Protein backbone atom coordinates (compact mmCIF):
# COMPACT_ATOMS: atom_id res chain seq x y z
CA MET A 1 90.08 147.57 72.08
CA SER A 2 88.50 144.54 73.65
CA SER A 3 90.38 142.10 75.79
CA LEU A 4 89.60 139.25 73.39
CA SER A 5 90.94 141.25 70.46
CA ASP A 6 94.15 142.00 72.37
CA LYS A 7 94.60 138.33 73.23
CA VAL A 8 94.05 137.24 69.63
CA LYS A 9 96.56 139.78 68.32
CA SER A 10 99.16 138.80 70.90
CA THR A 11 98.71 135.11 70.11
CA VAL A 12 98.98 135.73 66.36
CA ASN A 13 102.23 137.65 66.84
CA LYS A 14 103.65 134.97 69.13
CA VAL A 15 102.83 132.19 66.64
CA LYS A 16 104.13 134.22 63.70
CA GLY A 17 107.31 134.97 65.62
CA GLU A 18 107.87 131.37 66.63
CA THR A 19 107.35 130.27 63.02
CA LYS A 20 109.84 132.82 61.67
CA ASP A 21 112.33 131.88 64.38
CA GLN A 22 112.09 128.16 63.58
CA VAL A 23 112.24 128.65 59.80
CA GLY A 24 115.18 131.01 60.21
CA ASN A 25 116.90 128.41 62.34
CA ALA A 26 116.25 125.66 59.77
CA LYS A 27 117.47 127.86 56.89
CA ASN A 28 120.38 129.24 58.92
CA ASP A 29 118.99 132.76 58.39
CA PRO A 30 119.85 134.97 61.39
CA HIS A 31 117.83 137.89 59.98
CA LEU A 32 114.65 135.81 59.85
CA GLN A 33 115.35 134.48 63.34
CA ALA A 34 115.73 138.05 64.61
CA GLU A 35 112.43 139.04 62.99
CA GLY A 36 110.81 136.09 64.74
CA LYS A 37 112.19 137.12 68.11
CA VAL A 38 110.88 140.67 67.58
CA ASP A 39 107.42 139.36 66.68
CA LYS A 40 107.38 137.11 69.76
CA LEU A 41 108.40 140.04 71.95
CA LYS A 42 105.65 142.16 70.39
CA GLY A 43 103.14 139.42 71.23
CA ASP A 44 104.43 139.21 74.80
CA LEU A 45 104.06 142.98 75.21
CA GLN A 46 100.54 142.93 73.77
CA ASP A 47 99.67 140.15 76.20
CA ALA A 48 101.01 142.16 79.13
CA VAL A 49 99.02 145.24 78.06
CA SER A 50 95.88 143.12 77.74
CA LYS A 51 96.34 141.79 81.26
CA LEU A 52 96.84 145.31 82.61
CA LYS A 53 93.66 146.48 80.88
CA THR A 54 91.61 143.70 82.45
CA LYS A 55 92.91 144.51 85.94
CA ARG A 56 91.44 148.01 85.78
């Protein structure tokens, strides 16, 4: 997988997660907030993997 593709996927997951987290907060929905936090974490991990790949 290309570095650009990894970065795009990580950014999409971070944005999706932040959106779910904020909507969950506004609707007082802890389940949606938790989903958002998981998506943001997934994006952070994808970003870290992308950075490791480019260091090789």
